[in-house]
Amino acid sequence: MKRVNDEMRGAVRVTACLRSANTVSQPFPYNQGVTYAELCLVRTPAGESNAGIFVNQGQLPCMLGGTLTVKIDDQPAADKACVGSSGDRLEAGYFDDDGNRKVLAQIARA
């Protein structure tokens, strides 16, 4: 778990991530070792919870509205709509409001 103090707002942002046990090897230009994904939960200073997927190299199809397939524990894999990060990071994707609620509920059941 990582806590980041936002000194300007006097608030704290908390992030917890879990790295996938599965990895892939990709061709050029992403052939700098194995690629892995992390599922991260973020608690904003306003008290909201958000879920996102991050890869250490490569791109996620979220900037223009895409989907990510998510499988949590023994639950069935499901496609969830995603949106890009506010910083336009191509290796990051957050779930849209509906997907966010569903992913958080799946994690709670896991």
C-alpha atoms as a PDB file:
ATOM      1  CA  MET A   1       0.000   0.000   0.000  1.00  0.00           C
ATOM      2  CA  LYS A   2       1.247   3.437  -0.869  1.00  0.00           C
ATOM      3  CA  ARG A   3       0.149   6.681   0.762  1.00  0.00           C
ATOM      4  CA  VAL A   4       0.772   9.980  -1.019  1.00  0.00           C
ATOM      5  CA  ASN A   5       0.286  13.246   0.832  1.00  0.00           C
ATOM      6  CA  ASP A   6      -1.225  16.034  -1.222  1.00  0.00           C
ATOM      7  CA  GLU A   7       0.240  18.935   0.725  1.00  0.00           C
ATOM      8  CA  MET A   8      -1.542  21.574  -1.334  1.00  0.00           C
ATOM      9  CA  ARG A   9      -4.966  20.113  -0.494  1.00  0.00           C
ATOM     10  CA  GLY A  10      -4.047  18.689   2.901  1.00  0.00           C
ATOM     11  CA  ALA A  11      -5.291  15.243   1.838  1.00  0.00           C
ATOM     12  CA  VAL A  12      -3.998  11.705   1.388  1.00  0.00           C
ATOM     13  CA  ARG A  13      -4.377   9.418  -1.628  1.00  0.00           C
ATOM     14  CA  VAL A  14      -3.994   5.694  -0.902  1.00  0.00           C
ATOM     15  CA  THR A  15      -3.147   3.105  -3.580  1.00  0.00           C
ATOM     16  CA  ALA A  16      -2.923  -0.685  -3.256  1.00  0.00           C
ATOM     17  CA  CYS A  17      -1.817  -2.865  -6.192  1.00  0.00           C
ATOM     18  CA  LEU A  18      -1.683  -6.573  -6.896  1.00  0.00           C
ATOM     19  CA  ARG A  19       0.579  -7.863  -9.665  1.00  0.00           C
ATOM     20  CA  SER A  20      -0.693 -10.647 -11.899  1.00  0.00           C
ATOM     21  CA  ALA A  21       1.134 -13.966 -11.682  1.00  0.00           C
ATOM     22  CA  ASN A  22       0.753 -14.245 -15.477  1.00  0.00           C
ATOM     23  CA  THR A  23       3.237 -12.544 -17.788  1.00  0.00           C
ATOM     24  CA  VAL A  24       3.776 -12.305 -21.548  1.00  0.00           C
ATOM     25  CA  SER A  25       6.796 -11.680 -23.741  1.00  0.00           C
ATOM     26  CA  GLN A  26       6.096  -9.163 -26.485  1.00  0.00           C
ATOM     27  CA  PRO A  27       7.842  -8.393 -29.768  1.00  0.00           C
ATOM     28  CA  PHE A  28       9.606  -5.097 -30.527  1.00  0.00           C
ATOM     29  CA  PRO A  29       9.246  -2.392 -29.297  1.00  0.00           C
ATOM     30  CA  TYR A  30       8.017  -3.925 -26.022  1.00  0.00           C
ATOM     31  CA  ASN A  31      10.663  -6.642 -25.761  1.00  0.00           C
ATOM     32  CA  GLN A  32      12.373  -5.328 -22.635  1.00  0.00           C
ATOM     33  CA  GLY A  33      11.692  -8.447 -20.562  1.00  0.00           C
ATOM     34  CA  VAL A  34       8.320  -9.771 -19.528  1.00  0.00           C
ATOM     35  CA  THR A  35       5.150  -7.693 -19.464  1.00  0.00           C
ATOM     36  CA  TYR A  36       2.900  -7.912 -16.418  1.00  0.00           C
ATOM     37  CA  ALA A  37      -0.278  -6.188 -15.330  1.00  0.00           C
ATOM     38  CA  GLU A  38      -1.287  -4.776 -11.964  1.00  0.00           C
ATOM     39  CA  LEU A  39      -4.802  -4.287 -10.660  1.00  0.00           C
ATOM     40  CA  CYS A  40      -4.766  -1.187  -8.477  1.00  0.00           C
ATOM     41  CA  LEU A  41      -7.333   0.246  -6.110  1.00  0.00           C
ATOM     42  CA  VAL A  42      -7.143   3.953  -5.428  1.00  0.00           C
ATOM     43  CA  ARG A  43      -8.865   5.773  -2.569  1.00  0.00           C
ATOM     44  CA  THR A  44      -9.040   9.443  -3.495  1.00  0.00           C
ATOM     45  CA  PRO A  45      -8.845  12.276  -0.967  1.00  0.00           C
ATOM     46  CA  ALA A  46     -12.609  12.726  -1.531  1.00  0.00           C
ATOM     47  CA  GLY A  47     -13.181   9.154  -0.292  1.00  0.00           C
ATOM     48  CA  GLU A  48     -14.025   7.633  -3.688  1.00  0.00           C
ATOM     49  CA  SER A  49     -12.655   4.222  -4.675  1.00  0.00           C
ATOM     50  CA  ASN A  50     -11.457   3.571  -8.213  1.00  0.00           C
ATOM     51  CA  ALA A  51     -10.009   0.461  -9.843  1.00  0.00           C
ATOM     52  CA  GLY A  52      -7.521   0.461 -12.699  1.00  0.00           C
ATOM     53  CA  ILE A  53      -5.207  -1.782 -14.682  1.00  0.00           C
ATOM     54  CA  PHE A  54      -1.586  -0.855 -15.360  1.00  0.00           C
ATOM     55  CA  VAL A  55       1.033  -2.628 -17.485  1.00  0.00           C
ATOM     56  CA  ASN A  56       4.773  -2.146 -17.067  1.00  0.00           C
ATOM     57  CA  GLN A  57       5.292  -1.865 -20.834  1.00  0.00           C
ATOM     58  CA  GLY A  58       2.917  -1.680 -23.769  1.00  0.00           C
ATOM     59  CA  GLN A  59      -0.378   0.098 -24.299  1.00  0.00           C
ATOM     60  CA  LEU A  60      -3.947  -0.432 -23.152  1.00  0.00           C
ATOM     61  CA  PRO A  61      -6.856   0.390 -25.510  1.00  0.00           C
ATOM     62  CA  CYS A  62      -8.507   2.841 -23.123  1.00  0.00           C
ATOM     63  CA  MET A  63      -7.746   6.325 -24.450  1.00  0.00           C
ATOM     64  CA  LEU A  64     -10.553   6.238 -27.007  1.00  0.00           C
ATOM     65  CA  GLY A  65     -12.854   4.019 -24.986  1.00  0.00           C
ATOM     66  CA  GLY A  66     -12.011   0.338 -25.097  1.00  0.00           C
ATOM     67  CA  THR A  67     -12.500  -2.774 -23.024  1.00  0.00           C
ATOM     68  CA  LEU A  68     -10.305  -4.822 -20.724  1.00  0.00           C
ATOM     69  CA  THR A  69     -10.939  -8.453 -19.892  1.00  0.00           C
ATOM     70  CA  VAL A  70     -10.732  -9.016 -16.151  1.00  0.00           C
ATOM     71  CA  LYS A  71     -10.666 -12.305 -14.240  1.00  0.00           C
ATOM     72  CA  ILE A  72     -10.574 -12.196 -10.443  1.00  0.00           C
ATOM     73  CA  ASP A  73      -9.907 -15.467  -8.629  1.00  0.00           C
ATOM     74  CA  ASP A  74     -12.373 -18.196  -9.679  1.00  0.00           C
ATOM     75  CA  GLN A  75     -14.949 -15.761 -11.031  1.00  0.00           C
ATOM     76  CA  PRO A  76     -15.625 -15.813 -14.781  1.00  0.00           C
ATOM     77  CA  ALA A  77     -13.614 -13.488 -17.013  1.00  0.00           C
ATOM     78  CA  ALA A  78     -15.617 -10.448 -18.111  1.00  0.00           C
ATOM     79  CA  ASP A  79     -15.073  -7.483 -20.414  1.00  0.00           C
ATOM     80  CA  LYS A  80     -15.236  -4.090 -18.704  1.00  0.00           C
ATOM     81  CA  ALA A  81     -15.293  -0.718 -20.435  1.00  0.00           C
ATOM     82  CA  CYS A  82     -12.279   1.434 -19.657  1.00  0.00           C
ATOM     83  CA  VAL A  83     -11.234   5.053 -19.913  1.00  0.00           C
ATOM     84  CA  GLY A  84      -7.759   6.517 -20.167  1.00  0.00           C
ATOM     85  CA  SER A  85      -5.890   8.111 -17.325  1.00  0.00           C
ATOM     86  CA  SER A  86      -6.044  11.867 -16.848  1.00  0.00           C
ATOM     87  CA  GLY A  87      -2.342  12.065 -17.704  1.00  0.00           C
ATOM     88  CA  ASP A  88      -2.804  10.275 -21.062  1.00  0.00           C
ATOM     89  CA  ARG A  89      -0.624   7.356 -19.945  1.00  0.00           C
ATOM     90  CA  LEU A  90      -1.132   4.625 -22.538  1.00  0.00           C
ATOM     91  CA  GLU A  91      -0.032   1.922 -20.095  1.00  0.00           C
ATOM     92  CA  ALA A  92      -2.852   2.800 -17.675  1.00  0.00           C
ATOM     93  CA  GLY A  93      -6.594   2.337 -17.840  1.00  0.00           C
ATOM     94  CA  TYR A  94      -9.363   2.947 -15.350  1.00  0.00           C
ATOM     95  CA  PHE A  95     -12.775   1.329 -15.504  1.00  0.00           C
ATOM     96  CA  ASP A  96     -15.789   3.449 -16.368  1.00  0.00           C
ATOM     97  CA  ASP A  97     -18.334   4.055 -13.575  1.00  0.00           C
ATOM     98  CA  ASP A  98     -20.309   0.853 -14.212  1.00  0.00           C
ATOM     99  CA  GLY A  99     -17.195  -1.286 -14.630  1.00  0.00           C
ATOM    100  CA  ASN A 100     -15.628   0.282 -11.555  1.00  0.00           C
ATOM    101  CA  ARG A 101     -18.603  -0.712  -9.375  1.00  0.00           C
ATOM    102  CA  LYS A 102     -18.566  -4.258 -10.783  1.00  0.00           C
ATOM    103  CA  VAL A 103     -14.811  -4.744 -10.365  1.00  0.00           C
ATOM    104  CA  LEU A 104     -14.893  -3.419  -6.794  1.00  0.00           C
ATOM    105  CA  ALA A 105     -17.794  -5.789  -6.024  1.00  0.00           C
ATOM    106  CA  GLN A 106     -15.873  -8.735  -7.547  1.00  0.00           C
ATOM    107  CA  ILE A 107     -12.830  -7.913  -5.429  1.00  0.00           C
ATOM    108  CA  ALA A 108     -14.988  -7.745  -2.307  1.00  0.00           C
ATOM    109  CA  ARG A 109     -16.325 -11.269  -3.072  1.00  0.00           C
ATOM    110  CA  ALA A 110     -12.852 -12.687  -3.788  1.00  0.00           C
END
